[in-house]
Protein backbone atom coordinates (compact mmCIF):
# COMPACT_ATOMS: atom_id res chain seq x y z
CA MET A 1 -22.69 -274.38 104.99
CA SER A 2 -19.76 -276.75 105.41
CA VAL A 3 -17.62 -278.09 102.61
CA GLU A 4 -16.54 -281.72 102.33
CA ARG A 5 -13.73 -281.86 99.80
CA VAL A 6 -12.67 -285.14 98.24
CA LYS A 7 -9.60 -285.38 96.00
CA THR A 8 -10.24 -287.15 92.70
CA ALA A 9 -8.46 -287.64 89.39
CA VAL A 10 -9.84 -285.62 86.50
CA SER A 11 -10.48 -288.89 84.66
CA ASN A 12 -13.00 -289.83 87.39
CA LEU A 13 -15.12 -286.69 87.08
CA GLN A 14 -18.80 -287.21 86.32
CA GLU A 15 -21.65 -284.94 85.34
CA GLY A 16 -23.14 -283.35 88.45
CA MET A 17 -19.93 -283.22 90.49
CA PHE A 18 -19.07 -279.82 91.97
CA VAL A 19 -15.41 -278.85 91.51
CA ALA A 20 -14.45 -276.83 94.59
CA GLY A 21 -10.66 -276.85 94.23
CA LEU A 22 -7.90 -277.44 91.71
CA ASP A 23 -4.38 -278.85 91.94
CA ARG A 24 -3.08 -275.42 90.87
CA PRO A 25 -4.04 -271.80 91.58
CA TRP A 26 -7.41 -270.79 90.11
CA HIS A 27 -5.88 -267.68 88.49
CA GLU A 28 -3.77 -269.95 86.24
CA THR A 29 -6.95 -271.39 84.68
CA PRO A 30 -10.05 -270.06 82.89
CA PHE A 31 -12.40 -271.59 85.48
CA PRO A 32 -14.58 -269.59 87.90
CA LEU A 33 -12.99 -269.02 91.31
CA GLN A 34 -16.12 -269.98 93.21
CA GLY A 35 -16.15 -273.50 91.72
CA PHE A 36 -18.46 -275.08 89.16
CA TYR A 37 -20.49 -278.13 88.26
CA ILE A 38 -19.39 -280.67 85.66
CA ARG A 39 -22.18 -280.44 83.09
CA ALA A 40 -20.75 -282.40 80.15
CA GLU A 41 -17.75 -284.41 78.98
CA ASP A 42 -16.34 -281.20 77.47
CA ASP A 43 -15.97 -279.79 80.99
CA ARG A 44 -13.84 -282.78 82.03
CA LYS A 45 -11.71 -282.41 78.90
CA ALA A 46 -11.17 -278.70 79.59
CA ILE A 47 -10.08 -279.39 83.17
CA ALA A 48 -7.71 -282.12 81.96
CA GLN A 49 -5.81 -279.48 79.97
CA PHE A 50 -4.84 -277.77 83.25
CA CYS A 51 -5.12 -280.30 86.10
CA SER A 52 -4.43 -283.94 86.91
CA HIS A 53 -6.67 -283.94 89.98
CA VAL A 54 -9.31 -281.69 91.55
CA PHE A 55 -11.22 -281.44 94.81
CA ILE A 56 -14.94 -282.21 94.73
CA ASP A 57 -17.39 -280.77 97.25
CA SER A 58 -19.37 -283.89 98.11
CA LYS A 59 -22.16 -281.85 99.75
CA LYS A 60 -22.86 -279.88 96.56
CA THR A 61 -22.35 -282.79 94.17
CA ARG A 62 -25.46 -284.01 92.36
CA VAL A 63 -24.35 -287.27 90.75
CA LYS A 64 -27.15 -289.48 89.46
CA ASN A 65 -26.54 -293.21 89.07
CA ALA A 66 -22.98 -293.00 90.36
CA HIS A 67 -20.81 -296.03 89.71
CA ALA A 68 -19.60 -298.00 92.72
CA GLU A 69 -16.07 -296.55 92.55
CA HIS A 70 -17.54 -293.05 92.89
CA ALA A 71 -19.93 -293.81 95.76
CA ALA A 72 -17.99 -291.52 98.09
CA PHE A 73 -19.12 -288.56 95.99
CA ASN A 74 -22.79 -289.37 96.52
CA PRO A 75 -23.67 -288.04 99.98
CA SER A 76 -26.62 -290.44 100.29
CA LYS A 77 -24.27 -293.41 99.79
CA ALA A 78 -21.35 -292.15 101.87
CA SER A 79 -20.66 -294.07 105.06
């Protein structure tokens, strides 16, 4: 299974996005090394305490009703 990573600001994270990478080493954070899904606003707030941007795996991301500025994260809308 291939990974398509897209850099995004923490402020742009949405529920359903899969965080596959951080802007710092994983061991400096409390987050799981294998990555994780954004499930609620609290997840975004927790990431913001450690990172300014993250890398989203666009193949694993499950964003529903993505806004136009986040269309790249929705594999069905990606060009």
